[in-house]
Protein backbone atom coordinates (compact mmCIF):
# COMPACT_ATOMS: atom_id res chain seq x y z
CA UNK A 1 -3.09 -68.38 -10.73
CA UNK A 2 -1.57 -69.30 -14.01
CA UNK A 3 -2.28 -67.29 -16.70
CA UNK A 4 -4.17 -69.98 -18.33
CA UNK A 5 -6.69 -69.02 -15.47
CA UNK A 6 -6.30 -65.46 -16.10
CA UNK A 7 -7.11 -65.97 -19.80
CA UNK A 8 -9.88 -68.30 -18.86
CA UNK A 9 -11.48 -66.03 -16.09
CA UNK A 10 -11.30 -63.02 -18.59
CA UNK A 11 -13.22 -64.64 -21.60
CA UNK A 12 -15.83 -66.01 -19.16
CA UNK A 13 -16.57 -62.38 -17.67
CA UNK A 14 -16.44 -61.33 -21.38
CA UNK A 15 -18.70 -63.53 -22.57
CA UNK A 16 -21.37 -62.96 -19.57
CA UNK A 17 -21.06 -59.26 -19.97
CA UNK A 18 -21.91 -59.68 -23.48
CA UNK A 19 -24.93 -61.94 -22.80
CA UNK A 20 -26.13 -59.51 -20.82
CA UNK A 21 -25.36 -56.25 -22.57
CA UNK A 22 -27.42 -57.81 -25.71
CA UNK A 23 -30.45 -58.84 -23.18
CA UNK A 24 -30.70 -55.82 -21.77
CA UNK A 25 -30.59 -53.54 -25.02
CA UNK A 26 -33.07 -56.28 -26.69
CA UNK A 27 -35.84 -56.13 -23.40
CA UNK A 28 -35.64 -52.08 -24.15
CA UNK A 29 -36.39 -52.78 -27.41
CA UNK A 30 -39.37 -55.29 -26.95
CA UNK A 31 -40.82 -53.80 -23.79
CA UNK A 32 -40.06 -50.43 -23.75
CA UNK A 33 -38.32 -48.17 -20.99
CA UNK A 34 -38.75 -48.82 -17.61
CA UNK A 35 -40.26 -45.63 -15.90
CA UNK A 36 -36.57 -45.10 -14.13
CA UNK A 37 -35.31 -44.74 -17.69
CA UNK A 38 -38.28 -42.66 -18.88
CA UNK A 39 -38.12 -40.14 -15.95
CA UNK A 40 -34.48 -38.97 -16.90
CA UNK A 41 -35.02 -37.79 -20.42
CA UNK A 42 -36.88 -34.79 -20.90
CA UNK A 43 -40.51 -34.44 -21.74
CA UNK A 44 -41.36 -33.48 -25.39
CA UNK A 45 -42.07 -29.76 -25.91
CA UNK A 46 -45.88 -28.96 -27.12
CA UNK A 47 -45.44 -27.85 -30.39
CA UNK A 48 -48.90 -26.36 -30.79
């Protein structure tokens, strides 16, 4: 593999990773968290 191919592979991987990360964060914002994500967090304590 030449250095140009390595750079192209890394650029492609980085671009795909960035798109997936942004899409995931946007989906969390728009649709709310999944049950799995919400289940990992502590329930709010009652103030009364």
